[in-house]
Structures are given as C-alpha cells and as structure tokens.
Amino acid sequence: MIFPRIKKMIKAVTARLVLAVKFLPREIRAAFLIMGVEAAGRSMLSPRRLISLYFHCSDPMLPQGCFVECGVARGGSLAIMSFASAGKRSVWGFDSFEGMPQLTEEDKSDGEEWVGYRCSGPDGLREAQRTLKSFHAAGDWVKLVRGWFEDTLPPAVAGLAPIAVLRLDNDWYESTRFCLETLYASVAEGGLVIIDDYHTFIGCKTAVDEFRQKRGITSPMITTESCSEAYWRKLV
C-alpha cells in the first residue's frame, strides 16, 4: 500500500513544480494540474469530470461572465476553474465548510450515510485556500465565501451576474433547489449549468428536473459520467 501513496505524492509534487513554470503551454500545465489535484486527494471528482470541467471553462464560445461553484470541498475543482480563467474572469466558491446537512423528505434517505461528513476535511476553508495556493491557482480574482447557501448567496447574487459557468455540487434536494432558484437568472445566455450529483442522488435529480420543468427549460441534459454528472447550456 505504501508504493501507491508514494506514487501519488510524486505526481502531486511534480504537478506543483510544472505549474510554477509559466512559459510552458497552458494545455500541458492544465494536464499536470488535473493530475496533481487528483493525486493529492484535493477533489472528490473523477479524472473524467475534472478534465471536462477544464474544457468547459476554457471554451472560447463561453459568454462573458464569472465562474461560480457551490460546494467547494477541498478546492480541487475550483483550482481548475481558476486556472482556466487565467485571471480574466472572477471565480467564486461558496461552501459551508461544515458537515453535510440533514436530508429532507424529497431525498428519500438517499445519501443518509454522508450526513455530517465534512467534504472539506477538518481544516475547512483553510484546506481549500491551501489547495488554491499550492497549485498556483490563488489570486485576487478568486473569492471563497464561507457559510450556508441560504445566508451567503442572496446578498452576493447581484455581484455575480453574469455567470458563464455555474457548477453545483450540492448533493441534496433542498440545497440544489435553492441554488438553482437563486442563481439561474444570473446565468448568461450560452452559459453552462453543471450538476455534479445529477445521476448520484435522488434528491438532487428531483430538484433539477422540477426546476427545469417549472421554467420550461428544454435545453438537453448532457451526461458527463453516467454515475454522477450532467450539464446543460442555457438558451433563451
């Protein structure tokens, strides 16, 4: 077991060294960033989702606007969003940095074993800050906001618009519903809405399906990974 751990440590250190070399092509540095984030355990996302996120955020067809992630955990995916922004877009990360909240009736007990689990680790916000710094993704364009979504999003939403990429890693029905209802109007035409747990938890999928039906959203849901993520592009 010790050799796989050493191998991951070597990958993470190598990634940090490569990222410090600014003259290397961005695609090479991005590949090492993704490898390093995964090897260092800084994200719960699979490599497929990390790669997809980078290409989404690097898409030259994206509209003007910021990147927003609700559910930062240890900051690995936010580091990729920050790197892809190249400092030209503001990047916002919202998270309670506490344990996973209680389920509601709509979740049908799906995910009950995760209640109370602290996805950000014991150091919470500081852990996400360390991730950004260690992978050269910190900067004044990146804002981390600690607190429950119902407390932090309403006062922040006016300053977020327009949103080019909205990534929700909220797991449960209530948090997914609240984030969509609060932030979707700020997503620019042509912007992306990424739902990390759409194929994972019943409550998350129910919240998304209800929201899309209520708003008459017909833009197709595209699956990134059959056990987890799906996304759509906002059309008018």
Protein backbone atom coordinates (compact mmCIF):
# COMPACT_ATOMS: atom_id res chain seq x y z
CA MET A 1 0.00 0.00 0.00
CA ILE A 2 2.90 2.35 0.61
CA PHE A 3 4.01 2.43 -3.02
CA PRO A 4 0.71 3.78 -4.44
CA ARG A 5 0.81 6.53 -1.80
CA ILE A 6 4.38 7.46 -2.74
CA LYS A 7 3.43 7.44 -6.41
CA LYS A 8 0.58 9.86 -5.73
CA MET A 9 2.86 12.11 -3.69
CA ILE A 10 5.37 12.22 -6.53
CA LYS A 11 2.61 13.11 -9.00
CA ALA A 12 1.32 15.91 -6.78
CA VAL A 13 4.78 17.41 -6.22
CA THR A 14 5.63 17.14 -9.93
CA ALA A 15 2.39 18.91 -10.81
CA ARG A 16 3.18 21.81 -8.47
CA LEU A 17 6.66 22.18 -9.97
CA VAL A 18 5.39 22.12 -13.55
CA LEU A 19 2.65 24.66 -12.76
CA ALA A 20 5.30 27.06 -11.50
CA VAL A 21 6.92 27.11 -14.95
CA LYS A 22 4.88 29.85 -16.58
CA PHE A 23 6.35 29.58 -20.09
CA LEU A 24 5.07 26.03 -20.66
CA PRO A 25 1.99 25.73 -22.90
CA ARG A 26 -1.25 26.10 -20.91
CA GLU A 27 -2.59 22.73 -22.04
CA ILE A 28 0.46 20.98 -20.61
CA ARG A 29 0.18 22.86 -17.33
CA ALA A 30 -3.56 22.11 -17.21
CA ALA A 31 -2.88 18.39 -17.64
CA PHE A 32 -0.45 18.43 -14.72
CA LEU A 33 -2.88 20.45 -12.61
CA ILE A 34 -5.60 17.84 -13.13
CA MET A 35 -3.13 15.03 -12.36
CA GLY A 36 -1.91 16.82 -9.25
CA VAL A 37 -5.35 17.64 -7.87
CA GLU A 38 -6.44 14.02 -8.28
CA ALA A 39 -3.21 12.56 -6.89
CA ALA A 40 -3.21 14.86 -3.85
CA GLY A 41 -6.81 13.98 -2.99
CA ARG A 42 -7.91 17.58 -3.37
CA SER A 43 -11.11 16.70 -5.18
CA MET A 44 -13.76 14.00 -4.99
CA LEU A 45 -14.31 14.30 -8.75
CA SER A 46 -13.15 11.60 -11.14
CA PRO A 47 -10.45 12.50 -13.70
CA ARG A 48 -13.15 12.49 -16.41
CA ARG A 49 -15.12 15.19 -14.60
CA LEU A 50 -12.01 17.23 -13.83
CA ILE A 51 -10.96 17.18 -17.48
CA SER A 52 -14.50 18.03 -18.60
CA LEU A 53 -14.59 20.97 -16.19
CA TYR A 54 -11.35 22.38 -17.56
CA PHE A 55 -12.57 22.21 -21.15
CA HIS A 56 -15.94 23.73 -20.20
CA CYS A 57 -14.23 26.67 -18.51
CA SER A 58 -11.74 27.08 -21.38
CA ASP A 59 -14.41 27.05 -24.09
CA PRO A 60 -13.83 30.14 -26.28
CA MET A 61 -17.57 30.20 -27.04
CA LEU A 62 -18.49 30.89 -23.41
CA PRO A 63 -20.27 34.20 -22.84
CA GLN A 64 -18.80 36.94 -20.70
CA GLY A 65 -19.18 36.32 -17.01
CA CYS A 66 -17.75 34.75 -13.89
CA PHE A 67 -17.36 31.16 -12.75
CA VAL A 68 -19.34 30.08 -9.68
CA GLU A 69 -19.08 26.85 -7.71
CA CYS A 70 -21.46 25.94 -4.90
CA GLY A 71 -19.90 23.10 -2.94
CA VAL A 72 -16.14 23.69 -2.90
CA ALA A 73 -14.98 20.91 -0.53
CA ARG A 74 -11.15 20.91 -0.63
CA GLY A 75 -10.97 23.27 -3.58
CA GLY A 76 -9.66 20.99 -6.34
CA SER A 77 -12.32 21.77 -8.91
CA LEU A 78 -12.24 25.47 -8.02
CA ALA A 79 -8.48 25.43 -8.66
CA ILE A 80 -9.17 24.13 -12.17
CA MET A 81 -11.82 26.80 -12.75
CA SER A 82 -9.38 29.44 -11.54
CA PHE A 83 -6.59 28.17 -13.78
CA ALA A 84 -8.92 28.11 -16.79
CA SER A 85 -9.99 31.68 -16.08
CA ALA A 86 -6.35 32.84 -16.42
CA GLY A 87 -7.27 35.66 -14.08
CA LYS A 88 -9.56 37.21 -16.69
CA ARG A 89 -12.80 36.14 -15.00
CA SER A 90 -13.77 36.30 -11.36
CA VAL A 91 -14.15 32.90 -9.72
CA TRP A 92 -16.45 32.41 -6.75
CA GLY A 93 -16.60 29.43 -4.40
CA PHE A 94 -19.41 29.03 -1.85
CA ASP A 95 -19.40 26.37 0.86
CA SER A 96 -20.40 25.99 4.49
CA PHE A 97 -17.10 24.16 5.09
CA GLU A 98 -19.06 22.25 7.72
CA GLY A 99 -20.54 18.77 7.76
CA MET A 100 -23.11 17.69 5.17
CA PRO A 101 -26.59 18.91 6.24
CA GLN A 102 -29.59 16.76 7.08
CA LEU A 103 -31.70 15.23 4.33
CA THR A 104 -35.29 16.26 3.67
CA GLU A 105 -38.25 14.14 2.66
CA GLU A 106 -37.52 14.64 -1.03
CA ASP A 107 -34.14 12.92 -0.68
CA LYS A 108 -35.85 9.64 0.29
CA SER A 109 -32.94 8.76 2.62
CA ASP A 110 -30.60 8.50 -0.39
CA GLY A 111 -27.16 9.57 0.85
CA GLU A 112 -28.00 9.29 4.53
CA GLU A 113 -24.58 7.81 5.24
CA TRP A 114 -22.96 11.10 4.15
CA VAL A 115 -24.87 13.33 6.61
CA GLY A 116 -22.36 15.09 8.85
CA TYR A 117 -19.39 14.21 6.64
CA ARG A 118 -17.04 17.17 6.16
CA CYS A 119 -16.02 17.12 2.49
CA SER A 120 -13.53 19.92 3.04
CA GLY A 121 -11.64 18.00 5.70
CA PRO A 122 -11.05 19.09 9.30
CA ASP A 123 -9.48 22.43 8.31
CA GLY A 124 -12.46 23.56 6.26
CA LEU A 125 -11.88 26.87 4.49
CA ARG A 126 -8.14 26.80 5.16
CA GLU A 127 -7.90 23.49 3.32
CA ALA A 128 -9.45 24.98 0.18
CA GLN A 129 -7.17 28.01 0.45
CA ARG A 130 -4.14 25.72 0.68
CA THR A 131 -5.25 23.85 -2.43
CA LEU A 132 -5.53 27.05 -4.46
CA LYS A 133 -2.17 28.30 -3.26
CA SER A 134 -0.25 25.04 -3.66
CA PHE A 135 -1.44 24.58 -7.25
CA HIS A 136 -0.75 28.21 -8.23
CA ALA A 137 -4.47 28.96 -8.65
CA ALA A 138 -4.89 31.62 -5.96
CA GLY A 139 -5.32 35.25 -6.91
CA ASP A 140 -7.39 38.34 -6.24
CA TRP A 141 -9.89 37.12 -8.85
CA VAL A 142 -10.80 34.12 -6.65
CA LYS A 143 -13.29 34.62 -3.83
CA LEU A 144 -14.09 31.97 -1.23
CA VAL A 145 -17.28 32.56 0.77
CA ARG A 146 -17.92 30.52 3.91
CA GLY A 147 -21.46 29.91 5.17
CA TRP A 148 -24.72 28.14 4.37
CA PHE A 149 -26.08 28.94 0.92
CA GLU A 150 -29.29 30.49 2.23
CA ASP A 151 -27.17 33.00 4.17
CA THR A 152 -24.42 33.76 1.65
CA LEU A 153 -26.00 33.60 -1.82
CA PRO A 154 -28.83 36.18 -1.55
CA PRO A 155 -26.54 39.09 -0.58
CA ALA A 156 -23.90 38.03 -3.15
CA VAL A 157 -26.05 37.29 -6.19
CA ALA A 158 -26.22 40.86 -7.51
CA GLY A 159 -22.43 40.98 -7.72
CA LEU A 160 -22.13 37.66 -9.54
CA ALA A 161 -24.09 38.42 -12.72
CA PRO A 162 -23.46 37.46 -15.39
CA ILE A 163 -22.41 33.87 -14.69
CA ALA A 164 -20.71 31.97 -17.51
CA VAL A 165 -20.31 28.64 -15.70
CA LEU A 166 -22.39 27.60 -12.69
CA ARG A 167 -21.23 24.39 -11.06
CA LEU A 168 -23.44 22.89 -8.35
CA ASP A 169 -22.06 20.16 -6.11
CA ASN A 170 -24.89 20.29 -3.59
CA ASP A 171 -25.86 16.63 -3.25
CA TRP A 172 -29.31 17.07 -1.66
CA TYR A 173 -32.69 18.27 -2.88
CA GLU A 174 -33.05 21.43 -0.81
CA SER A 175 -29.59 22.89 -1.44
CA THR A 176 -29.76 22.11 -5.16
CA ARG A 177 -33.22 23.67 -5.45
CA PHE A 178 -32.18 26.78 -3.53
CA CYS A 179 -29.02 27.36 -5.58
CA LEU A 180 -30.88 27.00 -8.88
CA GLU A 181 -33.70 29.30 -7.82
CA THR A 182 -31.25 31.90 -6.51
CA LEU A 183 -28.59 31.87 -9.22
CA TYR A 184 -30.09 30.64 -12.50
CA ALA A 185 -31.44 34.04 -13.54
CA SER A 186 -27.86 35.34 -13.40
CA VAL A 187 -26.52 32.69 -15.80
CA ALA A 188 -25.81 34.31 -19.16
CA GLU A 189 -27.31 33.06 -22.40
CA GLY A 190 -24.96 30.34 -23.64
CA GLY A 191 -23.65 29.75 -20.13
CA LEU A 192 -23.29 26.28 -18.63
CA VAL A 193 -25.01 24.75 -15.61
CA ILE A 194 -23.13 21.72 -14.31
CA ILE A 195 -24.83 19.42 -11.79
CA ASP A 196 -22.27 17.16 -10.15
CA ASP A 197 -24.68 14.75 -8.46
CA TYR A 198 -27.48 14.56 -11.02
CA HIS A 199 -27.06 10.80 -11.53
CA THR A 200 -25.89 10.13 -7.96
CA PHE A 201 -28.58 11.25 -5.53
CA ILE A 202 -32.35 11.09 -5.99
CA GLY A 203 -32.95 14.42 -4.26
CA CYS A 204 -30.52 16.28 -6.48
CA LYS A 205 -32.04 14.87 -9.67
CA THR A 206 -35.57 15.59 -8.46
CA ALA A 207 -34.70 19.22 -7.69
CA VAL A 208 -33.14 19.72 -11.12
CA ASP A 209 -35.97 18.01 -13.02
CA GLU A 210 -38.61 20.01 -11.14
CA PHE A 211 -36.77 23.27 -11.75
CA ARG A 212 -36.29 22.63 -15.46
CA GLN A 213 -39.95 21.65 -15.87
CA LYS A 214 -41.17 24.68 -13.94
CA ARG A 215 -39.02 27.03 -16.03
CA GLY A 216 -39.81 25.29 -19.32
CA ILE A 217 -36.12 24.54 -19.93
CA THR A 218 -35.77 22.33 -22.98
CA SER A 219 -32.00 22.51 -23.48
CA PRO A 220 -30.89 18.86 -23.33
CA MET A 221 -29.18 17.42 -20.29
CA ILE A 222 -25.81 16.05 -21.37
CA THR A 223 -24.22 13.35 -19.25
CA THR A 224 -20.55 13.68 -18.39
CA GLU A 225 -20.46 10.49 -16.35
CA SER A 226 -23.33 8.03 -16.06
CA CYS A 227 -22.96 7.64 -12.29
CA SER A 228 -22.74 11.32 -11.48
CA GLU A 229 -22.54 14.50 -13.54
CA ALA A 230 -24.75 16.10 -16.17
CA TYR A 231 -24.99 19.63 -17.53
CA TRP A 232 -26.94 21.86 -19.89
CA ARG A 233 -26.34 25.07 -21.76
CA LYS A 234 -28.72 27.94 -21.03
CA LEU A 235 -30.74 29.03 -24.03
CA VAL A 236 -33.25 31.85 -24.23
